[in-house]
Amino acid sequence: MATAVKEQMSPVKDKNYDLIHTLQMSLDNIYRMDIYIQDAEQRGDSELATWFRKIQENNRKAGDQAKQMLMTRMQQEGR
């Protein structure tokens, strides 16, 4: 019998919490992909290293977008 995965609720009821958390996860994934890229290269798997680089670039773009959104929102809320 399959069990349903219960999604964890946000511990903070703030409209920017999810944005900040997603930014943190994107930045963490950028670092994590560096490790995975090195592992793949040490094992001679350039295909896997290239795939990890693509994931890293997507996380970099998402992180940059999240930073921009957060800055805009913080500036608007500061008015």
PDB file of N, CA and C in Angstrom:
ATOM      1  N   MET A   1       0.837  -1.172   0.000  1.00  0.00           N
ATOM      2  CA  MET A   1       0.000   0.000   0.000  1.00  0.00           C
ATOM      3  C   MET A   1       0.887   1.242   0.000  1.00  0.00           C
ATOM      4  N   ALA A   2       0.665   2.153  -0.936  1.00  0.00           N
ATOM      5  CA  ALA A   2       1.449   3.376  -1.020  1.00  0.00           C
ATOM      6  C   ALA A   2       0.952   4.378   0.010  1.00  0.00           C
ATOM      7  N   THR A   3       1.900   5.059   0.624  1.00  0.00           N
ATOM      8  CA  THR A   3       1.531   6.091   1.584  1.00  0.00           C
ATOM      9  C   THR A   3       1.724   7.448   0.946  1.00  0.00           C
ATOM     10  N   ALA A   4       0.828   8.331   1.250  1.00  0.00           N
ATOM     11  CA  ALA A   4       0.904   9.678   0.705  1.00  0.00           C
ATOM     12  C   ALA A   4       1.988  10.451   1.434  1.00  0.00           C
ATOM     13  N   VAL A   5       2.724  11.243   0.686  1.00  0.00           N
ATOM     14  CA  VAL A   5       3.745  12.089   1.274  1.00  0.00           C
ATOM     15  C   VAL A   5       3.070  13.370   1.730  1.00  0.00           C
ATOM     16  N   LYS A   6       3.214  13.661   2.988  1.00  0.00           N
ATOM     17  CA  LYS A   6       2.599  14.859   3.547  1.00  0.00           C
ATOM     18  C   LYS A   6       3.543  16.038   3.345  1.00  0.00           C
ATOM     19  N   GLU A   7       3.040  17.060   2.691  1.00  0.00           N
ATOM     20  CA  GLU A   7       3.850  18.238   2.425  1.00  0.00           C
ATOM     21  C   GLU A   7       3.972  19.062   3.700  1.00  0.00           C
ATOM     22  N   GLN A   8       5.218  19.474   3.993  1.00  0.00           N
ATOM     23  CA  GLN A   8       5.456  20.265   5.191  1.00  0.00           C
ATOM     24  C   GLN A   8       4.928  21.682   4.993  1.00  0.00           C
ATOM     25  N   MET A   9       4.232  22.153   5.970  1.00  0.00           N
ATOM     26  CA  MET A   9       3.694  23.506   5.910  1.00  0.00           C
ATOM     27  C   MET A   9       4.792  24.512   6.244  1.00  0.00           C
ATOM     28  N   SER A  10       4.697  25.690   5.670  1.00  0.00           N
ATOM     29  CA  SER A  10       5.642  26.755   5.952  1.00  0.00           C
ATOM     30  C   SER A  10       5.568  27.110   7.439  1.00  0.00           C
ATOM     31  N   PRO A  11       6.718  27.153   8.131  1.00  0.00           N
ATOM     32  CA  PRO A  11       6.686  27.460   9.554  1.00  0.00           C
ATOM     33  C   PRO A  11       6.406  28.929   9.840  1.00  0.00           C
ATOM     34  N   VAL A  12       6.521  29.761   8.827  1.00  0.00           N
ATOM     35  CA  VAL A  12       6.330  31.194   9.012  1.00  0.00           C
ATOM     36  C   VAL A  12       5.233  31.659   8.058  1.00  0.00           C
ATOM     37  N   LYS A  13       4.273  32.362   8.581  1.00  0.00           N
ATOM     38  CA  LYS A  13       3.194  32.886   7.741  1.00  0.00           C
ATOM     39  C   LYS A  13       3.560  34.291   7.271  1.00  0.00           C
ATOM     40  N   ASP A  14       4.505  34.344   6.359  1.00  0.00           N
ATOM     41  CA  ASP A  14       4.979  35.601   5.795  1.00  0.00           C
ATOM     42  C   ASP A  14       5.007  35.422   4.289  1.00  0.00           C
ATOM     43  N   LYS A  15       4.536  36.414   3.562  1.00  0.00           N
ATOM     44  CA  LYS A  15       4.414  36.244   2.110  1.00  0.00           C
ATOM     45  C   LYS A  15       5.751  36.077   1.399  1.00  0.00           C
ATOM     46  N   ASN A  16       6.845  36.501   2.016  1.00  0.00           N
ATOM     47  CA  ASN A  16       8.146  36.376   1.375  1.00  0.00           C
ATOM     48  C   ASN A  16       8.938  35.157   1.846  1.00  0.00           C
ATOM     49  N   TYR A  17       8.423  34.420   2.817  1.00  0.00           N
ATOM     50  CA  TYR A  17       9.168  33.283   3.356  1.00  0.00           C
ATOM     51  C   TYR A  17       9.500  32.261   2.274  1.00  0.00           C
ATOM     52  N   ASP A  18       8.519  31.883   1.475  1.00  0.00           N
ATOM     53  CA  ASP A  18       8.752  30.873   0.435  1.00  0.00           C
ATOM     54  C   ASP A  18       9.773  31.365  -0.590  1.00  0.00           C
ATOM     55  N   LEU A  19       9.737  32.650  -0.905  1.00  0.00           N
ATOM     56  CA  LEU A  19      10.705  33.225  -1.838  1.00  0.00           C
ATOM     57  C   LEU A  19      12.111  33.142  -1.250  1.00  0.00           C
ATOM     58  N   ILE A  20      12.265  33.517   0.004  1.00  0.00           N
ATOM     59  CA  ILE A  20      13.573  33.476   0.662  1.00  0.00           C
ATOM     60  C   ILE A  20      14.069  32.035   0.755  1.00  0.00           C
ATOM     61  N   HIS A  21      13.190  31.118   1.102  1.00  0.00           N
ATOM     62  CA  HIS A  21      13.575  29.716   1.221  1.00  0.00           C
ATOM     63  C   HIS A  21      13.996  29.153  -0.137  1.00  0.00           C
ATOM     64  N   THR A  22      13.282  29.508  -1.192  1.00  0.00           N
ATOM     65  CA  THR A  22      13.625  29.039  -2.538  1.00  0.00           C
ATOM     66  C   THR A  22      14.967  29.621  -2.975  1.00  0.00           C
ATOM     67  N   LEU A  23      15.235  30.872  -2.646  1.00  0.00           N
ATOM     68  CA  LEU A  23      16.532  31.482  -2.940  1.00  0.00           C
ATOM     69  C   LEU A  23      17.643  30.699  -2.248  1.00  0.00           C
ATOM     70  N   GLN A  24      17.440  30.374  -0.980  1.00  0.00           N
ATOM     71  CA  GLN A  24      18.434  29.616  -0.231  1.00  0.00           C
ATOM     72  C   GLN A  24      18.669  28.239  -0.859  1.00  0.00           C
ATOM     73  N   MET A  25      17.595  27.583  -1.269  1.00  0.00           N
ATOM     74  CA  MET A  25      17.734  26.259  -1.890  1.00  0.00           C
ATOM     75  C   MET A  25      18.477  26.350  -3.215  1.00  0.00           C
ATOM     76  N   SER A  26      18.207  27.396  -4.002  1.00  0.00           N
ATOM     77  CA  SER A  26      18.907  27.577  -5.279  1.00  0.00           C
ATOM     78  C   SER A  26      20.404  27.770  -5.044  1.00  0.00           C
ATOM     79  N   LEU A  27      20.751  28.611  -4.070  1.00  0.00           N
ATOM     80  CA  LEU A  27      22.159  28.851  -3.773  1.00  0.00           C
ATOM     81  C   LEU A  27      22.839  27.582  -3.259  1.00  0.00           C
ATOM     82  N   ASP A  28      22.135  26.816  -2.439  1.00  0.00           N
ATOM     83  CA  ASP A  28      22.678  25.555  -1.935  1.00  0.00           C
ATOM     84  C   ASP A  28      22.906  24.574  -3.087  1.00  0.00           C
ATOM     85  N   ASN A  29      21.980  24.528  -4.036  1.00  0.00           N
ATOM     86  CA  ASN A  29      22.121  23.618  -5.178  1.00  0.00           C
ATOM     87  C   ASN A  29      23.285  24.009  -6.076  1.00  0.00           C
ATOM     88  N   ILE A  30      23.573  25.305  -6.191  1.00  0.00           N
ATOM     89  CA  ILE A  30      24.729  25.747  -6.981  1.00  0.00           C
ATOM     90  C   ILE A  30      25.998  25.160  -6.382  1.00  0.00           C
ATOM     91  N   TYR A  31      26.137  25.266  -5.080  1.00  0.00           N
ATOM     92  CA  TYR A  31      27.299  24.706  -4.384  1.00  0.00           C
ATOM     93  C   TYR A  31      27.336  23.182  -4.523  1.00  0.00           C
ATOM     94  N   ARG A  32      26.196  22.541  -4.316  1.00  0.00           N
ATOM     95  CA  ARG A  32      26.113  21.079  -4.384  1.00  0.00           C
ATOM     96  C   ARG A  32      26.511  20.573  -5.783  1.00  0.00           C
ATOM     97  N   MET A  33      26.091  21.278  -6.833  1.00  0.00           N
ATOM     98  CA  MET A  33      26.435  20.861  -8.188  1.00  0.00           C
ATOM     99  C   MET A  33      27.938  20.952  -8.423  1.00  0.00           C
ATOM    100  N   ASP A  34      28.620  21.923  -7.800  1.00  0.00           N
ATOM    101  CA  ASP A  34      30.085  21.984  -7.906  1.00  0.00           C
ATOM    102  C   ASP A  34      30.713  20.674  -7.443  1.00  0.00           C
ATOM    103  N   ILE A  35      30.215  20.163  -6.337  1.00  0.00           N
ATOM    104  CA  ILE A  35      30.731  18.899  -5.795  1.00  0.00           C
ATOM    105  C   ILE A  35      30.437  17.755  -6.759  1.00  0.00           C
ATOM    106  N   TYR A  36      29.210  17.704  -7.271  1.00  0.00           N
ATOM    107  CA  TYR A  36      28.828  16.625  -8.182  1.00  0.00           C
ATOM    108  C   TYR A  36      29.605  16.694  -9.494  1.00  0.00           C
ATOM    109  N   ILE A  37      29.852  17.908  -9.974  1.00  0.00           N
ATOM    110  CA  ILE A  37      30.636  18.087 -11.208  1.00  0.00           C
ATOM    111  C   ILE A  37      32.049  17.546 -11.003  1.00  0.00           C
ATOM    112  N   GLN A  38      32.658  17.906  -9.880  1.00  0.00           N
ATOM    113  CA  GLN A  38      34.008  17.411  -9.582  1.00  0.00           C
ATOM    114  C   GLN A  38      34.027  15.891  -9.494  1.00  0.00           C
ATOM    115  N   ASP A  39      33.020  15.318  -8.824  1.00  0.00           N
ATOM    116  CA  ASP A  39      32.943  13.855  -8.713  1.00  0.00           C
ATOM    117  C   ASP A  39      32.857  13.202 -10.091  1.00  0.00           C
ATOM    118  N   ALA A  40      31.994  13.738 -10.946  1.00  0.00           N
ATOM    119  CA  ALA A  40      31.816  13.169 -12.283  1.00  0.00           C
ATOM    120  C   ALA A  40      33.096  13.291 -13.097  1.00  0.00           C
ATOM    121  N   GLU A  41      33.744  14.465 -13.019  1.00  0.00           N
ATOM    122  CA  GLU A  41      34.980  14.664 -13.777  1.00  0.00           C
ATOM    123  C   GLU A  41      36.086  13.729 -13.290  1.00  0.00           C
ATOM    124  N   GLN A  42      36.175  13.510 -11.975  1.00  0.00           N
ATOM    125  CA  GLN A  42      37.200  12.613 -11.436  1.00  0.00           C
ATOM    126  C   GLN A  42      36.991  11.182 -11.922  1.00  0.00           C
ATOM    127  N   ARG A  43      35.764  10.848 -12.249  1.00  0.00           N
ATOM    128  CA  ARG A  43      35.454   9.503 -12.735  1.00  0.00           C
ATOM    129  C   ARG A  43      35.417   9.439 -14.264  1.00  0.00           C
ATOM    130  N   GLY A  44      35.743  10.555 -14.908  1.00  0.00           N
ATOM    131  CA  GLY A  44      35.814  10.579 -16.358  1.00  0.00           C
ATOM    132  C   GLY A  44      34.462  10.608 -17.049  1.00  0.00           C
ATOM    133  N   ASP A  45      33.418  11.027 -16.340  1.00  0.00           N
ATOM    134  CA  ASP A  45      32.062  11.041 -16.914  1.00  0.00           C
ATOM    135  C   ASP A  45      31.687  12.469 -17.310  1.00  0.00           C
ATOM    136  N   SER A  46      32.131  12.867 -18.501  1.00  0.00           N
ATOM    137  CA  SER A  46      31.882  14.240 -18.958  1.00  0.00           C
ATOM    138  C   SER A  46      30.407  14.488 -19.262  1.00  0.00           C
ATOM    139  N   GLU A  47      29.688  13.445 -19.675  1.00  0.00           N
ATOM    140  CA  GLU A  47      28.257  13.606 -19.941  1.00  0.00           C
ATOM    141  C   GLU A  47      27.519  14.013 -18.659  1.00  0.00           C
ATOM    142  N   LEU A  48      27.811  13.321 -17.578  1.00  0.00           N
ATOM    143  CA  LEU A  48      27.166  13.626 -16.303  1.00  0.00           C
ATOM    144  C   LEU A  48      27.600  15.002 -15.788  1.00  0.00           C
ATOM    145  N   ALA A  49      28.889  15.330 -15.930  1.00  0.00           N
ATOM    146  CA  ALA A  49      29.382  16.639 -15.502  1.00  0.00           C
ATOM    147  C   ALA A  49      28.672  17.757 -16.263  1.00  0.00           C
ATOM    148  N   THR A  50      28.474  17.568 -17.559  1.00  0.00           N
ATOM    149  CA  THR A  50      27.772  18.566 -18.375  1.00  0.00           C
ATOM    150  C   THR A  50      26.326  18.718 -17.915  1.00  0.00           C
ATOM    151  N   TRP A  51      25.682  17.616 -17.597  1.00  0.00           N
ATOM    152  CA  TRP A  51      24.295  17.661 -17.128  1.00  0.00           C
ATOM    153  C   TRP A  51      24.207  18.406 -15.799  1.00  0.00           C
ATOM    154  N   PHE A  52      25.151  18.139 -14.883  1.00  0.00           N
ATOM    155  CA  PHE A  52      25.170  18.855 -13.604  1.00  0.00           C
ATOM    156  C   PHE A  52      25.410  20.351 -13.825  1.00  0.00           C
ATOM    157  N   ARG A  53      26.228  20.709 -14.801  1.00  0.00           N
ATOM    158  CA  ARG A  53      26.465  22.135 -15.104  1.00  0.00           C
ATOM    159  C   ARG A  53      25.174  22.814 -15.578  1.00  0.00           C
ATOM    160  N   LYS A  54      24.377  22.101 -16.353  1.00  0.00           N
ATOM    161  CA  LYS A  54      23.100  22.661 -16.808  1.00  0.00           C
ATOM    162  C   LYS A  54      22.162  22.902 -15.626  1.00  0.00           C
ATOM    163  N   ILE A  55      22.126  21.942 -14.720  1.00  0.00           N
ATOM    164  CA  ILE A  55      21.299  22.107 -13.512  1.00  0.00           C
ATOM    165  C   ILE A  55      21.812  23.290 -12.703  1.00  0.00           C
ATOM    166  N   GLN A  56      23.124  23.395 -12.580  1.00  0.00           N
ATOM    167  CA  GLN A  56      23.724  24.495 -11.831  1.00  0.00           C
ATOM    168  C   GLN A  56      23.359  25.841 -12.458  1.00  0.00           C
ATOM    169  N   GLU A  57      23.410  25.925 -13.772  1.00  0.00           N
ATOM    170  CA  GLU A  57      23.065  27.175 -14.459  1.00  0.00           C
ATOM    171  C   GLU A  57      21.593  27.529 -14.235  1.00  0.00           C
ATOM    172  N   ASN A  58      20.724  26.533 -14.281  1.00  0.00           N
ATOM    173  CA  ASN A  58      19.303  26.793 -14.006  1.00  0.00           C
ATOM    174  C   ASN A  58      19.105  27.319 -12.590  1.00  0.00           C
ATOM    175  N   ASN A  59      19.833  26.762 -11.633  1.00  0.00           N
ATOM    176  CA  ASN A  59      19.743  27.235 -10.261  1.00  0.00           C
ATOM    177  C   ASN A  59      20.310  28.642 -10.119  1.00  0.00           C
ATOM    178  N   ARG A  60      21.367  28.928 -10.875  1.00  0.00           N
ATOM    179  CA  ARG A  60      21.955  30.271 -10.849  1.00  0.00           C
ATOM    180  C   ARG A  60      20.938  31.294 -11.362  1.00  0.00           C
ATOM    181  N   LYS A  61      20.257  30.958 -12.453  1.00  0.00           N
ATOM    182  CA  LYS A  61      19.237  31.859 -13.009  1.00  0.00           C
ATOM    183  C   LYS A  61      18.082  32.043 -12.022  1.00  0.00           C
ATOM    184  N   ALA A  62      17.627  30.938 -11.428  1.00  0.00           N
ATOM    185  CA  ALA A  62      16.531  31.015 -10.456  1.00  0.00           C
ATOM    186  C   ALA A  62      16.952  31.850  -9.249  1.00  0.00           C
ATOM    187  N   GLY A  63      18.185  31.668  -8.791  1.00  0.00           N
ATOM    188  CA  GLY A  63      18.685  32.448  -7.656  1.00  0.00           C
ATOM    189  C   GLY A  63      18.741  33.933  -7.977  1.00  0.00           C
ATOM    190  N   ASP A  64      19.225  34.261  -9.176  1.00  0.00           N
ATOM    191  CA  ASP A  64      19.284  35.670  -9.588  1.00  0.00           C
ATOM    192  C   ASP A  64      17.883  36.279  -9.662  1.00  0.00           C
ATOM    193  N   GLN A  65      16.942  35.537 -10.219  1.00  0.00           N
ATOM    194  CA  GLN A  65      15.560  36.030 -10.291  1.00  0.00           C
ATOM    195  C   GLN A  65      14.972  36.215  -8.900  1.00  0.00           C
ATOM    196  N   ALA A  66      15.225  35.271  -8.012  1.00  0.00           N
ATOM    197  CA  ALA A  66      14.706  35.367  -6.648  1.00  0.00           C
ATOM    198  C   ALA A  66      15.294  36.573  -5.930  1.00  0.00           C
ATOM    199  N   LYS A  67      16.596  36.826  -6.113  1.00  0.00           N
ATOM    200  CA  LYS A  67      17.221  37.992  -5.480  1.00  0.00           C
ATOM    201  C   LYS A  67      16.584  39.282  -5.974  1.00  0.00           C
ATOM    202  N   GLN A  68      16.350  39.369  -7.282  1.00  0.00           N
ATOM    203  CA  GLN A  68      15.723  40.562  -7.846  1.00  0.00           C
ATOM    204  C   GLN A  68      14.309  40.755  -7.285  1.00  0.00           C
ATOM    205  N   MET A  69      13.546  39.672  -7.265  1.00  0.00           N
ATOM    206  CA  MET A  69      12.183  39.764  -6.735  1.00  0.00           C
ATOM    207  C   MET A  69      12.188  40.180  -5.270  1.00  0.00           C
ATOM    208  N   LEU A  70      13.098  39.616  -4.499  1.00  0.00           N
ATOM    209  CA  LEU A  70      13.167  39.938  -3.076  1.00  0.00           C
ATOM    210  C   LEU A  70      13.560  41.395  -2.860  1.00  0.00           C
ATOM    211  N   MET A  71      14.544  41.874  -3.617  1.00  0.00           N
ATOM    212  CA  MET A  71      14.948  43.278  -3.495  1.00  0.00           C
ATOM    213  C   MET A  71      13.790  44.199  -3.824  1.00  0.00           C
ATOM    214  N   THR A  72      13.081  43.913  -4.908  1.00  0.00           N
ATOM    215  CA  THR A  72      11.944  44.745  -5.307  1.00  0.00           C
ATOM    216  C   THR A  72      10.875  44.760  -4.219  1.00  0.00           C
ATOM    217  N   ARG A  73      10.553  43.605  -3.690  1.00  0.00           N
ATOM    218  CA  ARG A  73       9.531  43.504  -2.662  1.00  0.00           C
ATOM    219  C   ARG A  73       9.944  44.216  -1.382  1.00  0.00           C
ATOM    220  N   MET A  74      11.204  44.092  -0.999  1.00  0.00           N
ATOM    221  CA  MET A  74      11.668  44.741   0.220  1.00  0.00           C
ATOM    222  C   MET A  74      11.657  46.263   0.053  1.00  0.00           C
ATOM    223  N   GLN A  75      12.027  46.732  -1.134  1.00  0.00           N
ATOM    224  CA  GLN A  75      11.982  48.173  -1.393  1.00  0.00           C
ATOM    225  C   GLN A  75      10.558  48.689  -1.351  1.00  0.00           C
ATOM    226  N   GLN A  76       9.625  47.955  -1.930  1.00  0.00           N
ATOM    227  CA  GLN A  76       8.220  48.361  -1.941  1.00  0.00           C
ATOM    228  C   GLN A  76       7.650  48.370  -0.534  1.00  0.00           C
ATOM    229  N   GLU A  77       8.023  47.408   0.274  1.00  0.00           N
ATOM    230  CA  GLU A  77       7.506  47.327   1.635  1.00  0.00           C
ATOM    231  C   GLU A  77       8.134  48.396   2.525  1.00  0.00           C
ATOM    232  N   GLY A  78       9.302  48.901   2.143  1.00  0.00           N
ATOM    233  CA  GLY A  78       9.992  49.919   2.934  1.00  0.00           C
ATOM    234  C   GLY A  78       9.427  51.321   2.730  1.00  0.00           C
ATOM    235  N   ARG A  79       8.545  51.462   1.777  1.00  0.00           N
ATOM    236  CA  ARG A  79       7.985  52.797   1.468  1.00  0.00           C
ATOM    237  C   ARG A  79       6.967  53.199   2.477  1.00  0.00           C
TER     238      ARG A  79
END
